[in-house]
Amino acid sequence: MEREFQALLQASGQPGPQELESIIDMVARAWPAQGPAADNIRLDSQGLHITAAALGEHLEQQLRSEAASIGWSLRREGSTLSLLRPQGVRP
């Protein structure tokens, strides 16, 4: 079913939740205009990883909420927030 849904999205010209455009849009909605600058951004098969020196709780909660809205999850390890793809879904 997921494969068919993604095919319909692609045919309509709309990005699906696994596409880079959707991920960047999700982060842009959550990241405050005057928020901390990212020191490093990395995209891999697991998801998008953002490292920033001053990541506050509010930003983490905003990203967690936005990620959940498209089926993703968020994990924090020190100063890195990892937005993780749903399990079993490939990029």
C-alpha atoms as a PDB file:
ATOM      1  CA  MET A   1       0.000   0.000   0.000  1.00  0.00           C
ATOM      2  CA  GLU A   2       2.825   2.400   0.890  1.00  0.00           C
ATOM      3  CA  ARG A   3       4.442   1.796  -2.494  1.00  0.00           C
ATOM      4  CA  GLU A   4       1.213   2.621  -4.308  1.00  0.00           C
ATOM      5  CA  PHE A   5       0.746   5.768  -2.215  1.00  0.00           C
ATOM      6  CA  GLN A   6       4.267   6.949  -3.045  1.00  0.00           C
ATOM      7  CA  ALA A   7       3.665   6.250  -6.735  1.00  0.00           C
ATOM      8  CA  LEU A   8       0.493   8.376  -6.647  1.00  0.00           C
ATOM      9  CA  LEU A   9       2.317  11.232  -4.902  1.00  0.00           C
ATOM     10  CA  GLN A  10       5.121  11.090  -7.438  1.00  0.00           C
ATOM     11  CA  ALA A  11       2.655  11.063 -10.329  1.00  0.00           C
ATOM     12  CA  SER A  12       0.869  14.100  -8.872  1.00  0.00           C
ATOM     13  CA  GLY A  13       4.132  16.039  -8.617  1.00  0.00           C
ATOM     14  CA  GLN A  14       3.884  16.331  -4.822  1.00  0.00           C
ATOM     15  CA  PRO A  15       6.844  15.240  -2.691  1.00  0.00           C
ATOM     16  CA  GLY A  16       6.262  12.306  -0.355  1.00  0.00           C
ATOM     17  CA  PRO A  17       7.372  12.223   3.282  1.00  0.00           C
ATOM     18  CA  GLN A  18      10.589  10.359   2.409  1.00  0.00           C
ATOM     19  CA  GLU A  19      11.825  12.906  -0.127  1.00  0.00           C
ATOM     20  CA  LEU A  20      14.513  15.447   0.697  1.00  0.00           C
ATOM     21  CA  GLU A  21      12.175  18.354  -0.045  1.00  0.00           C
ATOM     22  CA  SER A  22       9.701  17.157   2.610  1.00  0.00           C
ATOM     23  CA  ILE A  23      12.436  16.654   5.197  1.00  0.00           C
ATOM     24  CA  ILE A  24      13.912  20.119   4.640  1.00  0.00           C
ATOM     25  CA  ASP A  25      10.442  21.684   4.731  1.00  0.00           C
ATOM     26  CA  MET A  26       9.725  19.924   8.031  1.00  0.00           C
ATOM     27  CA  VAL A  27      12.927  21.251   9.614  1.00  0.00           C
ATOM     28  CA  ALA A  28      12.300  24.759   8.255  1.00  0.00           C
ATOM     29  CA  ARG A  29       8.831  24.848   9.859  1.00  0.00           C
ATOM     30  CA  ALA A  30      10.242  23.869  13.259  1.00  0.00           C
ATOM     31  CA  TRP A  31      13.533  25.812  13.283  1.00  0.00           C
ATOM     32  CA  PRO A  32      13.075  29.341  14.667  1.00  0.00           C
ATOM     33  CA  ALA A  33      14.225  32.251  12.493  1.00  0.00           C
ATOM     34  CA  GLN A  34      16.581  33.404  15.248  1.00  0.00           C
ATOM     35  CA  GLY A  35      17.492  29.845  16.266  1.00  0.00           C
ATOM     36  CA  PRO A  36      20.987  28.428  16.659  1.00  0.00           C
ATOM     37  CA  ALA A  37      23.135  27.973  13.587  1.00  0.00           C
ATOM     38  CA  ALA A  38      23.683  24.356  12.618  1.00  0.00           C
ATOM     39  CA  ASP A  39      27.309  23.268  12.893  1.00  0.00           C
ATOM     40  CA  ASN A  40      26.774  20.176  10.765  1.00  0.00           C
ATOM     41  CA  ILE A  41      23.941  18.668   8.729  1.00  0.00           C
ATOM     42  CA  ARG A  42      24.193  15.121   7.405  1.00  0.00           C
ATOM     43  CA  LEU A  43      21.707  13.038   5.437  1.00  0.00           C
ATOM     44  CA  ASP A  44      22.166   9.270   5.302  1.00  0.00           C
ATOM     45  CA  SER A  45      20.014   6.178   4.872  1.00  0.00           C
ATOM     46  CA  GLN A  46      18.727   6.478   8.470  1.00  0.00           C
ATOM     47  CA  GLY A  47      17.663  10.106   8.217  1.00  0.00           C
ATOM     48  CA  LEU A  48      18.785  13.695   8.741  1.00  0.00           C
ATOM     49  CA  HIS A  49      21.274  14.534  11.511  1.00  0.00           C
ATOM     50  CA  ILE A  50      21.699  18.126  12.714  1.00  0.00           C
ATOM     51  CA  THR A  51      24.441  19.194  15.109  1.00  0.00           C
ATOM     52  CA  ALA A  52      24.225  22.597  16.787  1.00  0.00           C
ATOM     53  CA  ALA A  53      25.837  23.904  19.961  1.00  0.00           C
ATOM     54  CA  ALA A  54      22.713  25.453  21.528  1.00  0.00           C
ATOM     55  CA  LEU A  55      19.777  23.141  20.912  1.00  0.00           C
ATOM     56  CA  GLY A  56      17.070  24.006  23.415  1.00  0.00           C
ATOM     57  CA  GLU A  57      14.198  21.872  24.655  1.00  0.00           C
ATOM     58  CA  HIS A  58      11.671  23.980  22.734  1.00  0.00           C
ATOM     59  CA  LEU A  59      13.436  23.359  19.414  1.00  0.00           C
ATOM     60  CA  GLU A  60      13.707  19.656  20.178  1.00  0.00           C
ATOM     61  CA  GLN A  61       9.965  19.449  20.927  1.00  0.00           C
ATOM     62  CA  GLN A  62       9.091  21.407  17.762  1.00  0.00           C
ATOM     63  CA  LEU A  63      11.199  19.075  15.621  1.00  0.00           C
ATOM     64  CA  ARG A  64       9.755  16.012  17.367  1.00  0.00           C
ATOM     65  CA  SER A  65       6.214  17.210  16.629  1.00  0.00           C
ATOM     66  CA  GLU A  66       6.969  18.056  12.983  1.00  0.00           C
ATOM     67  CA  ALA A  67       8.770  14.726  12.488  1.00  0.00           C
ATOM     68  CA  ALA A  68       5.824  12.793  13.907  1.00  0.00           C
ATOM     69  CA  SER A  69       3.473  14.609  11.523  1.00  0.00           C
ATOM     70  CA  ILE A  70       5.152  12.860   8.562  1.00  0.00           C
ATOM     71  CA  GLY A  71       5.839   9.548  10.314  1.00  0.00           C
ATOM     72  CA  TRP A  72       9.423  10.229  11.371  1.00  0.00           C
ATOM     73  CA  SER A  73      10.930  10.096  14.867  1.00  0.00           C
ATOM     74  CA  LEU A  74      13.560  12.152  16.651  1.00  0.00           C
ATOM     75  CA  ARG A  75      16.516  11.027  18.747  1.00  0.00           C
ATOM     76  CA  ARG A  76      18.886  13.326  20.624  1.00  0.00           C
ATOM     77  CA  GLU A  77      22.489  12.405  21.349  1.00  0.00           C
ATOM     78  CA  GLY A  78      24.378  15.274  22.956  1.00  0.00           C
ATOM     79  CA  SER A  79      24.285  18.226  20.575  1.00  0.00           C
ATOM     80  CA  THR A  80      22.974  16.153  17.641  1.00  0.00           C
ATOM     81  CA  LEU A  81      19.322  15.736  16.764  1.00  0.00           C
ATOM     82  CA  SER A  82      18.637  12.820  14.442  1.00  0.00           C
ATOM     83  CA  LEU A  83      15.401  12.825  12.462  1.00  0.00           C
ATOM     84  CA  LEU A  84      14.897   9.155  11.690  1.00  0.00           C
ATOM     85  CA  ARG A  85      12.964   7.620   8.815  1.00  0.00           C
ATOM     86  CA  PRO A  86      10.143   5.240   9.700  1.00  0.00           C
ATOM     87  CA  GLN A  87      11.507   1.716  10.136  1.00  0.00           C
ATOM     88  CA  GLY A  88      11.347  -0.402   7.032  1.00  0.00           C
ATOM     89  CA  VAL A  89      11.208   2.610   4.691  1.00  0.00           C
ATOM     90  CA  ARG A  90      14.084   3.214   2.326  1.00  0.00           C
ATOM     91  CA  PRO A  91      15.151   6.612   0.981  1.00  0.00           C
END
